[in-house]
Every structure is written in C-alpha cells, then in structure tokens.
Amino acid sequence: MNDETVLARWRLGDLRRASGVSPAVLTRWFDRGVIRLKPYDAPAAGSGHARLLSTRRVYHIAIVAELARLGITATRASRAALAFTDAGQPGRAPGHLFPDGSTWLAIAPHGASVIQPPAAEALAQFFICGAVPGLPTAIALLDLAPLVRRVDDALSSKE
C-alpha cells in the first residue's frame, strides 16, 4: 500500500501543533474511548514508549476538536470524523480529499457523510434541510480542505 495517511509516525506532541488539542484532553479522549487506535496506528510498546499515530488519526483528532468547538460532543464528533478518515467512497480514498473539488463533512441527526456538492448547487443543497419531509431540520458542515491543509502544514513543519 502506498498511502502516506496510514504510516504510524506521529507522537502526541505532534498532535498538539496539528490539532490544537492539549495533551491532557488527548489522553482523556483515548482513555474514554473517544479516539481509538486503528490497525495502522501503533500503541505504546511499554513504559517510556510513545504511541504512534497515522496521519488519518491526526486528521480524526483535528476534526473532533473542530466539531467540539461547535458544541458537538467529542464522542459524536469522533463517530462523524470516521466518515472521512476511515471510509472511502467513489472518487475518494479514506483520509483523502476529493481530487477535483471541495470536500465537506455533513453531520445530521442520523449520522455523517462526506460530500462534494457541485459549486452552483452547494448552498441550495445545504438549505433544503427541513423543507422536505424526512430530511433533517439541521446539519453541521465542516469544510475539510482547509483543515487537512492546516494539519499537513503543521506536520510537515516538524519533518
């Protein structure tokens, strides 16, 4: 696999710079199971050894932090973030943006999805919430492209 997002190489100190989340909050999220390691992350190998996280997990934590700033619980934000970090879809691999346009995380009462609305229809699609029976009356949207760029810039400044 030639996917840089699955290499386990980032320590908790790197996460602080990339996500703005303090080590105490990160430790609490790990202890409570809000953030869980995936097969491409590496748990601490013992006392004095740091856990190493993949870039996908760093994105995950940055998304949770951003959604928590909006008042979404960390647990719910974590489940929503997995739609981007750990699930792919046609035209987009897990942990990657759509190559030919914007990438948004849409969080609704029933769950979350990664969307790439056509530019002309984007606002109309977002504002039909509640206008059609069965659709949610509210959604939260997160533009993932600037978040991914911010995380990538912070991580690359360490290398």
C-alpha atoms as a PDB file:
ATOM      1  CA  MET A   1       0.000   0.000   0.000  1.00  0.00           C
ATOM      2  CA  ASN A   2       1.433   3.360  -0.997  1.00  0.00           C
ATOM      3  CA  ASP A   3      -0.800   5.558   1.161  1.00  0.00           C
ATOM      4  CA  GLU A   4       1.070   8.051   3.341  1.00  0.00           C
ATOM      5  CA  THR A   5      -2.002   8.550   5.559  1.00  0.00           C
ATOM      6  CA  VAL A   6      -1.612   5.084   7.113  1.00  0.00           C
ATOM      7  CA  LEU A   7       2.006   5.348   8.256  1.00  0.00           C
ATOM      8  CA  ALA A   8       2.149   5.360  12.064  1.00  0.00           C
ATOM      9  CA  ARG A   9       4.722   8.013  12.871  1.00  0.00           C
ATOM     10  CA  TRP A  10       3.202  10.932  14.789  1.00  0.00           C
ATOM     11  CA  ARG A  11       3.534  11.381  18.559  1.00  0.00           C
ATOM     12  CA  LEU A  12       1.152  13.209  20.893  1.00  0.00           C
ATOM     13  CA  GLY A  13       3.388  16.301  20.802  1.00  0.00           C
ATOM     14  CA  ASP A  14       2.918  16.461  17.029  1.00  0.00           C
ATOM     15  CA  LEU A  15      -0.840  16.348  17.544  1.00  0.00           C
ATOM     16  CA  ARG A  16      -0.833  19.415  19.768  1.00  0.00           C
ATOM     17  CA  ARG A  17       0.674  21.502  16.980  1.00  0.00           C
ATOM     18  CA  ALA A  18      -1.520  19.976  14.256  1.00  0.00           C
ATOM     19  CA  SER A  19      -4.857  19.926  16.077  1.00  0.00           C
ATOM     20  CA  GLY A  20      -4.609  22.499  18.858  1.00  0.00           C
ATOM     21  CA  VAL A  21      -5.723  19.881  21.389  1.00  0.00           C
ATOM     22  CA  SER A  22      -3.829  19.744  24.673  1.00  0.00           C
ATOM     23  CA  PRO A  23      -2.101  16.518  25.742  1.00  0.00           C
ATOM     24  CA  ALA A  24      -4.469  16.278  28.745  1.00  0.00           C
ATOM     25  CA  VAL A  25      -7.554  16.369  26.501  1.00  0.00           C
ATOM     26  CA  LEU A  26      -5.982  13.880  24.076  1.00  0.00           C
ATOM     27  CA  THR A  27      -5.191  11.500  26.931  1.00  0.00           C
ATOM     28  CA  ARG A  28      -8.760  11.828  28.210  1.00  0.00           C
ATOM     29  CA  TRP A  29     -10.175  11.121  24.727  1.00  0.00           C
ATOM     30  CA  PHE A  30      -8.006   8.000  24.434  1.00  0.00           C
ATOM     31  CA  ASP A  31      -8.875   6.837  27.982  1.00  0.00           C
ATOM     32  CA  ARG A  32     -12.627   7.316  27.382  1.00  0.00           C
ATOM     33  CA  GLY A  33     -12.511   5.575  24.008  1.00  0.00           C
ATOM     34  CA  VAL A  34     -13.497   8.719  22.105  1.00  0.00           C
ATOM     35  CA  ILE A  35     -10.421   8.185  19.914  1.00  0.00           C
ATOM     36  CA  ARG A  36      -9.460   4.583  19.231  1.00  0.00           C
ATOM     37  CA  LEU A  37      -6.358   3.309  17.564  1.00  0.00           C
ATOM     38  CA  LYS A  38      -6.847   1.568  14.232  1.00  0.00           C
ATOM     39  CA  PRO A  39      -4.682  -1.191  12.735  1.00  0.00           C
ATOM     40  CA  TYR A  40      -2.378   1.353  11.081  1.00  0.00           C
ATOM     41  CA  ASP A  41      -1.711   3.150  14.395  1.00  0.00           C
ATOM     42  CA  ALA A  42       0.820   1.778  16.890  1.00  0.00           C
ATOM     43  CA  PRO A  43       0.042   1.523  20.618  1.00  0.00           C
ATOM     44  CA  ALA A  44       2.765   2.367  23.120  1.00  0.00           C
ATOM     45  CA  ALA A  45       5.195  -0.547  23.276  1.00  0.00           C
ATOM     46  CA  GLY A  46       5.606  -0.131  27.023  1.00  0.00           C
ATOM     47  CA  SER A  47       6.642   2.401  29.603  1.00  0.00           C
ATOM     48  CA  GLY A  48       8.687   5.175  28.056  1.00  0.00           C
ATOM     49  CA  HIS A  49       7.472   4.404  24.546  1.00  0.00           C
ATOM     50  CA  ALA A  50       5.015   6.699  22.813  1.00  0.00           C
ATOM     51  CA  ARG A  51       2.044   5.550  20.794  1.00  0.00           C
ATOM     52  CA  LEU A  52       2.483   6.433  17.156  1.00  0.00           C
ATOM     53  CA  LEU A  53      -0.452   7.672  15.147  1.00  0.00           C
ATOM     54  CA  SER A  54      -1.145   7.697  11.445  1.00  0.00           C
ATOM     55  CA  THR A  55      -1.928  10.890   9.587  1.00  0.00           C
ATOM     56  CA  ARG A  56      -5.514   9.623   9.342  1.00  0.00           C
ATOM     57  CA  ARG A  57      -5.740   9.569  13.136  1.00  0.00           C
ATOM     58  CA  VAL A  58      -4.277  13.085  13.298  1.00  0.00           C
ATOM     59  CA  TYR A  59      -6.984  14.257  10.864  1.00  0.00           C
ATOM     60  CA  HIS A  60      -9.531  12.438  13.019  1.00  0.00           C
ATOM     61  CA  ILE A  61      -8.415  14.274  16.152  1.00  0.00           C
ATOM     62  CA  ALA A  62      -8.337  17.653  14.363  1.00  0.00           C
ATOM     63  CA  ILE A  63     -11.893  17.087  13.080  1.00  0.00           C
ATOM     64  CA  VAL A  64     -13.116  16.108  16.557  1.00  0.00           C
ATOM     65  CA  ALA A  65     -11.524  19.253  18.006  1.00  0.00           C
ATOM     66  CA  GLU A  66     -13.116  21.464  15.349  1.00  0.00           C
ATOM     67  CA  LEU A  67     -16.577  19.947  15.831  1.00  0.00           C
ATOM     68  CA  ALA A  68     -16.236  20.133  19.632  1.00  0.00           C
ATOM     69  CA  ARG A  69     -15.655  23.898  19.254  1.00  0.00           C
ATOM     70  CA  LEU A  70     -19.127  23.993  17.643  1.00  0.00           C
ATOM     71  CA  GLY A  71     -20.629  22.280  20.699  1.00  0.00           C
ATOM     72  CA  ILE A  72     -20.849  18.772  19.238  1.00  0.00           C
ATOM     73  CA  THR A  73     -19.863  16.176  21.836  1.00  0.00           C
ATOM     74  CA  ALA A  74     -16.453  14.601  21.349  1.00  0.00           C
ATOM     75  CA  THR A  75     -18.000  11.128  21.083  1.00  0.00           C
ATOM     76  CA  ARG A  76     -20.425  12.190  18.349  1.00  0.00           C
ATOM     77  CA  ALA A  77     -17.720  14.217  16.593  1.00  0.00           C
ATOM     78  CA  SER A  78     -15.424  11.184  16.640  1.00  0.00           C
ATOM     79  CA  ARG A  79     -18.051   8.953  15.006  1.00  0.00           C
ATOM     80  CA  ALA A  80     -18.655  11.629  12.367  1.00  0.00           C
ATOM     81  CA  ALA A  81     -14.938  12.072  11.668  1.00  0.00           C
ATOM     82  CA  LEU A  82     -14.592   8.391  10.814  1.00  0.00           C
ATOM     83  CA  ALA A  83     -16.724   9.012   7.699  1.00  0.00           C
ATOM     84  CA  PHE A  84     -13.736  10.937   6.329  1.00  0.00           C
ATOM     85  CA  THR A  85     -10.729   9.264   7.928  1.00  0.00           C
ATOM     86  CA  ASP A  86     -11.667   5.601   7.704  1.00  0.00           C
ATOM     87  CA  ALA A  87     -14.311   5.270   4.993  1.00  0.00           C
ATOM     88  CA  GLY A  88     -13.730   5.814   1.320  1.00  0.00           C
ATOM     89  CA  GLN A  89     -16.228   6.309  -1.455  1.00  0.00           C
ATOM     90  CA  PRO A  90     -16.132   6.521  -5.237  1.00  0.00           C
ATOM     91  CA  GLY A  91     -13.525   9.130  -6.153  1.00  0.00           C
ATOM     92  CA  ARG A  92     -12.069   9.449  -2.647  1.00  0.00           C
ATOM     93  CA  ALA A  93      -9.863   7.115  -0.609  1.00  0.00           C
ATOM     94  CA  PRO A  94     -10.168   7.054   3.210  1.00  0.00           C
ATOM     95  CA  GLY A  95      -8.410  10.055   4.739  1.00  0.00           C
ATOM     96  CA  HIS A  96      -8.174  11.882   1.411  1.00  0.00           C
ATOM     97  CA  LEU A  97      -9.991  14.849  -0.086  1.00  0.00           C
ATOM     98  CA  PHE A  98     -11.839  14.600  -3.388  1.00  0.00           C
ATOM     99  CA  PRO A  99      -9.200  15.427  -6.007  1.00  0.00           C
ATOM    100  CA  ASP A 100     -11.346  17.672  -8.189  1.00  0.00           C
ATOM    101  CA  GLY A 101     -13.260  19.860  -5.774  1.00  0.00           C
ATOM    102  CA  SER A 102     -14.299  20.702  -2.251  1.00  0.00           C
ATOM    103  CA  THR A 103     -14.756  18.071   0.432  1.00  0.00           C
ATOM    104  CA  TRP A 104     -17.231  18.641   3.242  1.00  0.00           C
ATOM    105  CA  LEU A 105     -18.249  16.635   6.281  1.00  0.00           C
ATOM    106  CA  ALA A 106     -22.019  16.906   6.803  1.00  0.00           C
ATOM    107  CA  ILE A 107     -23.295  15.928  10.262  1.00  0.00           C
ATOM    108  CA  ALA A 108     -27.022  15.343  10.680  1.00  0.00           C
ATOM    109  CA  PRO A 109     -29.060  13.716  13.457  1.00  0.00           C
ATOM    110  CA  HIS A 110     -28.940  10.337  11.681  1.00  0.00           C
ATOM    111  CA  GLY A 111     -25.169  10.325  11.073  1.00  0.00           C
ATOM    112  CA  ALA A 112     -22.447  11.897   8.980  1.00  0.00           C
ATOM    113  CA  SER A 113     -21.315  11.747   5.386  1.00  0.00           C
ATOM    114  CA  VAL A 114     -18.561  13.183   3.249  1.00  0.00           C
ATOM    115  CA  ILE A 115     -19.949  15.186   0.371  1.00  0.00           C
ATOM    116  CA  GLN A 116     -18.683  17.051  -2.653  1.00  0.00           C
ATOM    117  CA  PRO A 117     -21.524  19.248  -3.818  1.00  0.00           C
ATOM    118  CA  PRO A 118     -21.306  20.896  -7.237  1.00  0.00           C
ATOM    119  CA  ALA A 119     -20.427  24.557  -6.697  1.00  0.00           C
ATOM    120  CA  ALA A 120     -23.635  26.001  -8.149  1.00  0.00           C
ATOM    121  CA  GLU A 121     -25.876  23.681  -6.157  1.00  0.00           C
ATOM    122  CA  ALA A 122     -23.956  23.689  -2.891  1.00  0.00           C
ATOM    123  CA  LEU A 123     -25.940  26.304  -0.997  1.00  0.00           C
ATOM    124  CA  ALA A 124     -29.282  25.065  -2.279  1.00  0.00           C
ATOM    125  CA  GLN A 125     -28.424  21.527  -1.167  1.00  0.00           C
ATOM    126  CA  PHE A 126     -27.439  22.721   2.297  1.00  0.00           C
ATOM    127  CA  PHE A 127     -30.522  24.871   2.829  1.00  0.00           C
ATOM    128  CA  ILE A 128     -33.202  22.315   1.960  1.00  0.00           C
ATOM    129  CA  CYS A 129     -32.893  20.906   5.469  1.00  0.00           C
ATOM    130  CA  GLY A 130     -36.363  20.566   6.923  1.00  0.00           C
ATOM    131  CA  ALA A 131     -38.071  21.668   3.712  1.00  0.00           C
ATOM    132  CA  VAL A 132     -38.619  18.086   2.589  1.00  0.00           C
ATOM    133  CA  PRO A 133     -40.340  15.531   4.852  1.00  0.00           C
ATOM    134  CA  GLY A 134     -37.829  13.007   6.119  1.00  0.00           C
ATOM    135  CA  LEU A 135     -34.804  15.270   5.745  1.00  0.00           C
ATOM    136  CA  PRO A 136     -33.127  16.621   8.883  1.00  0.00           C
ATOM    137  CA  THR A 137     -34.088  20.077  10.068  1.00  0.00           C
ATOM    138  CA  ALA A 138     -30.479  20.959  10.840  1.00  0.00           C
ATOM    139  CA  ILE A 139     -26.998  19.915   9.792  1.00  0.00           C
ATOM    140  CA  ALA A 140     -23.477  20.957  10.700  1.00  0.00           C
ATOM    141  CA  LEU A 141     -20.946  21.351   7.908  1.00  0.00           C
ATOM    142  CA  LEU A 142     -17.184  21.267   8.101  1.00  0.00           C
ATOM    143  CA  ASP A 143     -15.025  22.226   5.123  1.00  0.00           C
ATOM    144  CA  LEU A 144     -12.313  19.577   5.299  1.00  0.00           C
ATOM    145  CA  ALA A 145      -9.896  21.039   2.735  1.00  0.00           C
ATOM    146  CA  PRO A 146      -8.533  23.880   4.929  1.00  0.00           C
ATOM    147  CA  LEU A 147      -8.427  21.585   7.968  1.00  0.00           C
ATOM    148  CA  VAL A 148      -6.404  18.951   6.073  1.00  0.00           C
ATOM    149  CA  ARG A 149      -4.057  21.657   4.728  1.00  0.00           C
ATOM    150  CA  ARG A 150      -3.557  23.077   8.232  1.00  0.00           C
ATOM    151  CA  VAL A 151      -2.760  19.630   9.666  1.00  0.00           C
ATOM    152  CA  ASP A 152      -0.444  18.753   6.761  1.00  0.00           C
ATOM    153  CA  ASP A 153       1.403  22.078   7.124  1.00  0.00           C
ATOM    154  CA  ALA A 154       1.848  21.579  10.878  1.00  0.00           C
ATOM    155  CA  LEU A 155       3.088  18.015  10.440  1.00  0.00           C
ATOM    156  CA  SER A 156       5.425  18.860   7.555  1.00  0.00           C
ATOM    157  CA  SER A 157       6.998  21.694   9.581  1.00  0.00           C
ATOM    158  CA  LYS A 158       8.180  19.020  12.031  1.00  0.00           C
ATOM    159  CA  GLU A 159       9.939  16.932   9.402  1.00  0.00           C
END
